[in-house]
Each structure stands twice: as C-alpha cells, then as structure tokens.
Amino acid sequence: MNRAVFAPAVTLLFCTVVVSSAFAQAAKPAAPTTSAPAAKAKFAAPLKGEAKIEVIVGSSTYNAKTKEIVTTYKIKNMSTAPIALLKIDEYWYGKNKALASSAQERYKQPFPPGEVIEMITRAPASGSMEGWTKRAQFSHVNGTVAVKAVKAF
C-alpha cells in the first residue's frame, strides 16, 4: 500500500477539526451590564499615643476540667483611630499578696473606632481561687491605654 494516498485525507480531516473548534469558540456571550465599580478599601493609620477604651468585665470562673481561670472582657474603642495589637495582661494574686497566676491575650486585627470586641483570658490555676484578687493591664503597640470601666455600652 502507498501511504502517500492517505496523507491528503488525514490533512483534510485535521483541518476540519481545527476549524470547527475555532468557530465553536469564537461565539462569545454578550457582556453583562456592569454597575458602578466598587470603592477601594481605604487604609486607616493606627492610633499612636494614648488610646481610650470602655470595658465591661465579666465574672471570673474556675474551670476544674482544664484547671484555669476564665475571664471575659467586652471592650469598646472610644478613640478616633483604630487601635493596633490591643493586649491584656491579667495578673492574679493569692491571699498572701504573692503572684499566683497570670494570663495574656492579644487582639491581632486593627480595632476600629466605635466597635465592640470580646476578649477571653485563661490563667492556669492549681485549685480554688478563693481570696485571690486580679489586676488587668491594657496596652497597644503604639502607646498606652486609658481604661474606663462601665456597666453597659
């Protein structure tokens, strides 16, 4: 058999397949109607200096299963700019005024003005916290924090 006879037939078949697939892809649907473009997100510079917050301190409870003291804080940013890396250092003192336990919690996102967040601290404890007192200290990456304790926002 002579293979030269089959070459034009194979070429014709190949061209037919390529051209038909090109025409099938050429038809595009109509573009959807577009609305106004979305506004770009604006970067707000974080607060430098003293931040003002209001705090509602929840009750502190001892969890016997995990052997830790759990305290809940609800915090509202009263400053005019976002607070960066808000941090709570919580210190627990025993009956004899010696440091019994401590905990630290960070809020890693920028904390926008007027927003309310909830932070939970977990301090390890070996037993009952009867007679213990606590002290919570707030700070942020660019300065100090002025804390005002409130009963409701």
Protein backbone atom coordinates (compact mmCIF):
# COMPACT_ATOMS: atom_id res chain seq x y z
CA MET A 1 0.00 0.00 0.00
CA ASN A 2 1.06 3.51 -0.78
CA ARG A 3 0.98 5.83 2.24
CA ALA A 4 1.12 8.96 0.11
CA VAL A 5 -2.57 8.43 -0.70
CA PHE A 6 -3.60 8.75 2.94
CA ALA A 7 -1.65 11.97 3.70
CA PRO A 8 -4.12 14.37 1.97
CA ALA A 9 -7.09 12.64 3.65
CA VAL A 10 -5.51 12.96 7.12
CA THR A 11 -4.62 16.62 6.45
CA LEU A 12 -8.20 17.40 5.36
CA LEU A 13 -9.61 15.68 8.46
CA PHE A 14 -7.20 17.59 10.77
CA CYS A 15 -8.08 20.96 9.18
CA THR A 16 -11.80 20.27 9.51
CA VAL A 17 -11.49 19.50 13.23
CA VAL A 18 -9.32 22.57 13.96
CA VAL A 19 -11.51 24.99 12.01
CA SER A 20 -14.78 23.70 13.53
CA SER A 21 -13.38 24.02 17.07
CA ALA A 22 -12.15 27.56 16.30
CA PHE A 23 -15.64 28.59 15.13
CA ALA A 24 -17.22 26.99 18.19
CA GLN A 25 -15.04 29.12 20.48
CA ALA A 26 -15.47 32.32 18.51
CA ALA A 27 -19.07 32.91 19.62
CA LYS A 28 -18.98 34.82 22.91
CA PRO A 29 -21.98 35.73 25.04
CA ALA A 30 -22.97 39.35 25.45
CA ALA A 31 -21.19 41.13 28.27
CA PRO A 32 -23.33 41.54 31.40
CA THR A 33 -24.33 45.03 32.38
CA THR A 34 -21.94 46.42 34.95
CA SER A 35 -22.77 48.59 37.91
CA ALA A 36 -20.54 51.27 39.34
CA PRO A 37 -17.11 49.96 40.32
CA ALA A 38 -16.63 49.10 43.99
CA ALA A 39 -14.87 51.69 46.09
CA LYS A 40 -11.35 50.78 47.06
CA ALA A 41 -10.72 49.97 50.69
CA LYS A 42 -9.04 52.81 52.49
CA PHE A 43 -6.20 52.21 54.92
CA ALA A 44 -6.66 53.96 58.23
CA ALA A 45 -3.44 54.70 60.07
CA PRO A 46 -3.38 53.14 63.55
CA LEU A 47 -3.55 55.29 66.65
CA LYS A 48 -0.29 56.49 68.16
CA GLY A 49 -0.23 57.57 71.79
CA GLU A 50 -2.97 57.07 74.33
CA ALA A 51 -6.00 55.01 73.32
CA LYS A 52 -9.36 55.33 75.09
CA ILE A 53 -11.48 52.25 75.68
CA GLU A 54 -14.52 51.28 77.74
CA VAL A 55 -14.54 47.84 79.37
CA ILE A 56 -17.22 45.58 80.80
CA VAL A 57 -15.51 42.91 82.90
CA GLY A 58 -17.37 39.63 83.06
CA SER A 59 -17.23 37.28 86.01
CA SER A 60 -14.15 35.15 86.51
CA THR A 61 -14.83 31.44 86.82
CA TYR A 62 -12.63 28.48 87.66
CA ASN A 63 -12.86 25.62 85.17
CA ALA A 64 -11.93 22.44 87.08
CA LYS A 65 -11.72 20.36 83.90
CA THR A 66 -9.00 22.49 82.28
CA LYS A 67 -7.67 23.88 85.61
CA GLU A 68 -7.79 27.52 84.56
CA ILE A 69 -9.49 30.78 85.45
CA VAL A 70 -11.58 32.14 82.58
CA THR A 71 -12.41 35.86 82.43
CA THR A 72 -14.41 37.61 79.69
CA TYR A 73 -13.87 41.26 78.73
CA LYS A 74 -16.13 43.27 76.39
CA ILE A 75 -14.21 46.24 75.03
CA LYS A 76 -15.35 49.28 73.04
CA ASN A 77 -12.89 51.56 71.21
CA MET A 78 -13.65 55.19 72.12
CA SER A 79 -10.65 56.63 70.22
CA THR A 80 -10.81 58.35 66.84
CA ALA A 81 -8.49 55.89 65.07
CA PRO A 82 -8.03 52.10 65.01
CA ILE A 83 -6.01 50.52 67.81
CA ALA A 84 -3.29 48.14 66.63
CA LEU A 85 -2.45 44.97 68.58
CA LEU A 86 -4.50 45.54 71.73
CA LYS A 87 -3.17 43.41 74.60
CA ILE A 88 -4.48 42.41 78.05
CA ASP A 89 -2.06 41.30 80.78
CA GLU A 90 -4.01 39.78 83.67
CA TYR A 91 -2.30 39.10 87.00
CA TRP A 92 -3.81 37.02 89.82
CA TYR A 93 -2.56 37.45 93.39
CA GLY A 94 -3.13 34.91 96.18
CA LYS A 95 -4.11 35.52 99.80
CA ASN A 96 -0.52 36.35 100.78
CA LYS A 97 -0.21 39.00 98.01
CA ALA A 98 2.18 36.82 96.01
CA LEU A 99 1.71 36.40 92.27
CA ALA A 100 -0.33 33.21 91.85
CA SER A 101 -1.02 33.17 88.11
CA SER A 102 -1.04 35.34 85.00
CA ALA A 103 -2.53 35.38 81.53
CA GLN A 104 -2.03 37.37 78.36
CA GLU A 105 -4.37 37.86 75.40
CA ARG A 106 -3.87 39.82 72.16
CA TYR A 107 -6.33 41.13 69.58
CA LYS A 108 -4.31 40.87 66.37
CA GLN A 109 -6.56 42.76 63.93
CA PRO A 110 -6.91 46.55 63.90
CA PHE A 111 -9.64 47.51 66.38
CA PRO A 112 -11.77 50.20 64.60
CA PRO A 113 -13.32 53.15 66.46
CA GLY A 114 -16.78 52.53 67.91
CA GLU A 115 -16.58 48.75 67.56
CA VAL A 116 -17.12 46.27 70.40
CA ILE A 117 -14.99 43.15 70.74
CA GLU A 118 -14.87 40.32 73.26
CA MET A 119 -11.59 39.00 74.63
CA ILE A 120 -11.23 35.97 76.89
CA THR A 121 -8.25 35.35 79.16
CA ARG A 122 -7.32 31.93 80.53
CA ALA A 123 -4.96 31.86 83.51
CA PRO A 124 -3.72 28.50 84.82
CA ALA A 125 -4.68 27.72 88.42
CA SER A 126 -3.99 24.70 90.58
CA GLY A 127 -7.04 24.93 92.81
CA SER A 128 -9.71 27.18 94.20
CA MET A 129 -9.25 30.90 93.61
CA GLU A 130 -10.89 31.83 96.90
CA GLY A 131 -9.33 35.00 98.28
CA TRP A 132 -7.50 35.77 95.04
CA THR A 133 -7.53 39.26 93.50
CA LYS A 134 -6.81 40.22 89.93
CA ARG A 135 -5.31 43.15 88.10
CA ALA A 136 -5.74 43.68 84.36
CA GLN A 137 -3.43 45.94 82.41
CA PHE A 138 -4.21 47.05 78.83
CA SER A 139 -1.69 48.24 76.25
CA HIS A 140 -1.25 48.53 72.50
CA VAL A 141 1.69 48.56 70.14
CA ASN A 142 1.92 52.36 69.76
CA GLY A 143 1.30 53.55 73.32
CA THR A 144 -0.77 53.32 76.44
CA VAL A 145 -4.47 52.70 77.04
CA ALA A 146 -6.84 54.75 79.22
CA VAL A 147 -9.45 52.35 80.58
CA LYS A 148 -12.91 53.28 81.80
CA ALA A 149 -14.96 50.55 83.47
CA VAL A 150 -18.66 50.70 82.56
CA LYS A 151 -21.72 48.53 83.18
CA ALA A 152 -23.20 48.86 79.65
CA PHE A 153 -22.31 50.41 76.29
